[in-house]
Amino acid sequence: MRYYVKKIVSLIMVLFLIMLLTFLAFQVIPGDGAVSRLGVDAEPEEIEALREALGLNKSLPERFFRFLGGAVRGDFGMSYQYSRPVSELLAARLPATVGLAAVSILMICIISVPLGLLCARREGGFADRAVTLLTQTLMAVPAFFLGMIITFLFGVVLKWFSPGGYIPPGESFGKYLHYMIFPAAAISIPKIAMTVKFLKTSVLRERKLDYVRTARSKGNTERAVLWRHVLRNALIPVITFMGMVIADVLAGSIVIEQVFNLPGVGRLLVVAIGNRDYPVVEAIVVYIAAIVLTVNFIVDILYQRVDPRVRIK
C-alpha cells in the first residue's frame, strides 16, 4: 500500500510541476489575451475591461492559483478565440481523439502479439523472414505518409470512405467506427511493426533461459511452454514499451488528425497555437501530461502483477 501511495503522491507532484511550468511559459510568451480576443483595433478601454474580466491584470501568483484551482475543478477558463469554456471545447473534441486511440490500441494488440509469437516460434523460417522484412520497412515509414497513402488508395481510388469527412458516434456508431479504422491504421501500422520486433526479441531471449529447459524436461509441449512460461516473462519489457505507445496515442496524434481532418484534441491544439489561444493550449498540455503520467502509473502496477519476482519497495 505504501508503494501505491508514494506513486500517487509522485504523480500529483509531477503534474503540479508541469502545470506550474506550463503557466509560467505562457506568461513570458509575447502577446495579450485581451488583444487576441478583441483584435488590435479595439479601444484601450475595452481591452482594459476585458483584461480585468479575465483576471489578466492580477499578480502572477494570483493568476497561477486561479489557474490551478480551476484546473482541479476541470475549469480552464474561456477560450480567447471561440468565447466558450475550454472544458466544453475539450469535451466536444475528446470523442474523436479517444475513439481514434481506442481503435489504434486495439489494432496494435490484436495484430502485434500473434505476429511476434509467430516470428519467435518460426525463427529463421519463411514467415519470420517475411514478417521481419515487412516490419523493418513499415518502421521506417512516417505515420503522416501512411495516412496520405491510405487516404489516396482507400478514399480516392477505392472510395471506401470519404476523405476529409467525419461521422460523430452519436449520429451513427457503426459508420463512426468504419471511418476510424483508416486513421487508426495509419497510426498503428508503424507501432505494430515496432511491437512485433520488440516482442520477438524478448521471447527469443526468454527461450534461452534455464527455466524453459526445465519446463520442456517435464513433458510440456512447445506451445504450452510458450504460453504458460515464456510469454508472461517476455511481456515484462513489452508492457513498458506498450505503455509508451498507449500514452503517445492517447495524447493525441496531431498530424494524423490534420491529414484525416478529424475534429480531435490534436487539431484543436494546432489551431489554438496559431491563434495564441493560451487557455486552450494550457488545458491540452495539462491533458497530455495527465494522460502520460496516468499510463506510466498503470504500467508500474501491471509490472508488479505480471512478474511476482519484481518486489515492491
Foldseek 3Di string as FASTA:
>chain_A
DVLLVVLVVVLVVVLLVLLVVLLVVLVPDDDDLLCLQPPPPDDPVSSVVVCVVQVVPPDPVVVSVVCVVCVVVQFLDAWSHPRHTLSVLQVVFQVLLVLLLVLLLVVLVVQQVVLLVVLLVQPPDPSVVVLLVQLVVLLPDQLLVQLVVLCCVVCVPVNQDDFLDADDCVRPVVVNNSLSNRLSCSLRSNVSSVLSVLLNVLLNVQCPDDVLVVVVVVPDDPVCSVVVPRNLRSCLVSLVVVLVSSLVSSLGDLSSCVRRVRSHLSVVLVVCVVSVRSSNVSSSSSVSSSSSSVSVSVSVVVSCVSDVVDDRD
